[in-house]
Amino acid sequence: MFICQQFLKKTGTGFSFIAMKIMNPLHIHVSKDNAEAKYWMIPNQEEVYSYGFKLRERKEIRILIAENADKIIEKWNEFFK
C-alpha cells in the first residue's frame, strides 16, 4: 500500500511524493500524461529514470526541480514526519 501526495503542478507536469513501506532517500516523482520520471534530490538533482518524456521536457523538469528544490525538500520533510 502507498500514499501519494501531489504538491506542485507546473506546465501540466505534476510533482509528487509516494510513501511506501520501504523508505528511499529524498526524491521526487514527476508525471505528465503517460510520462513519468524520478529524481534524487540529494546530493544533487539526478535523474533515476524517465519514461515518455522528450529531451526538451526532461531539461525543463530539471530546471523546475532546481528552481523549487527548497520547496520540494520542505514538503518532503512535512510529508514524511
Protein backbone atom coordinates (compact mmCIF):
# COMPACT_ATOMS: atom_id res chain seq x y z
CA MET A 1 0.00 0.00 0.00
CA PHE A 2 1.20 3.51 -0.72
CA ILE A 3 0.12 7.10 -0.27
CA CYS A 4 0.74 9.72 -2.94
CA GLN A 5 0.74 13.47 -2.41
CA GLN A 6 0.93 15.80 -5.38
CA PHE A 7 2.07 19.20 -4.18
CA LEU A 8 3.25 21.11 -7.23
CA LYS A 9 1.88 21.32 -10.75
CA LYS A 10 3.56 23.46 -13.38
CA THR A 11 3.02 23.48 -17.14
CA GLY A 12 0.82 20.40 -16.84
CA THR A 13 3.58 18.47 -15.07
CA GLY A 14 2.80 17.05 -11.62
CA PHE A 15 5.39 16.64 -8.88
CA SER A 16 4.61 14.22 -6.07
CA PHE A 17 5.89 12.03 -3.25
CA ILE A 18 4.93 8.39 -2.85
CA ALA A 19 5.11 6.78 0.58
CA MET A 20 5.65 3.04 0.65
CA LYS A 21 6.90 0.62 3.29
CA ILE A 22 10.48 0.90 2.03
CA MET A 23 11.91 4.38 2.54
CA ASN A 24 14.11 5.70 -0.26
CA PRO A 25 16.40 8.73 0.00
CA LEU A 26 14.84 12.12 -0.70
CA HIS A 27 13.42 12.06 -4.23
CA ILE A 28 10.58 13.41 -6.34
CA HIS A 29 8.24 11.72 -8.81
CA VAL A 30 7.24 13.64 -11.93
CA SER A 31 4.32 12.82 -14.21
CA LYS A 32 2.59 14.26 -17.23
CA ASP A 33 0.07 12.42 -19.39
CA ASN A 34 1.60 8.93 -19.82
CA ALA A 35 5.16 10.00 -19.00
CA GLU A 36 6.85 9.60 -15.62
CA ALA A 37 10.24 10.18 -14.05
CA LYS A 38 12.03 10.02 -10.71
CA TYR A 39 14.81 12.31 -9.48
CA TRP A 40 17.04 12.04 -6.42
CA MET A 41 17.23 15.40 -4.68
CA ILE A 42 20.36 14.88 -2.57
CA PRO A 43 23.27 15.24 -3.12
CA ASN A 44 22.14 16.69 -6.47
CA GLN A 45 19.08 16.55 -8.71
CA GLU A 46 19.98 13.33 -10.51
CA GLU A 47 17.55 11.57 -12.84
CA VAL A 48 16.87 8.00 -11.70
CA TYR A 49 14.60 7.12 -14.62
CA SER A 50 12.45 8.80 -17.22
CA TYR A 51 9.84 7.13 -19.43
CA GLY A 52 7.95 9.02 -22.10
CA PHE A 53 9.44 12.50 -21.64
CA LYS A 54 11.19 14.11 -24.60
CA LEU A 55 14.69 15.51 -24.09
CA ARG A 56 13.35 19.09 -24.05
CA GLU A 57 10.79 18.16 -21.38
CA ARG A 58 13.47 16.48 -19.26
CA LYS A 59 15.55 19.67 -19.39
CA GLU A 60 12.50 21.73 -18.36
CA ILE A 61 11.83 19.32 -15.48
CA ARG A 62 15.41 19.65 -14.23
CA ILE A 63 15.04 23.45 -14.31
CA LEU A 64 11.73 23.29 -12.40
CA ILE A 65 13.26 20.96 -9.82
CA ALA A 66 16.30 23.22 -9.38
CA GLU A 67 14.09 26.32 -9.05
CA ASN A 68 11.87 24.59 -6.48
CA ALA A 69 14.46 22.47 -4.64
CA ASP A 70 13.97 24.23 -1.30
CA LYS A 71 10.19 23.86 -1.54
CA ILE A 72 10.49 20.19 -2.56
CA ILE A 73 12.74 19.43 0.41
CA GLU A 74 10.46 21.35 2.77
CA LYS A 75 7.37 19.47 1.53
CA TRP A 76 9.24 16.13 1.74
CA ASN A 77 10.07 16.81 5.40
CA GLU A 78 6.44 17.74 6.14
CA PHE A 79 5.09 14.69 4.30
CA PHE A 80 7.38 12.17 5.98
CA LYS A 81 7.20 13.49 9.59
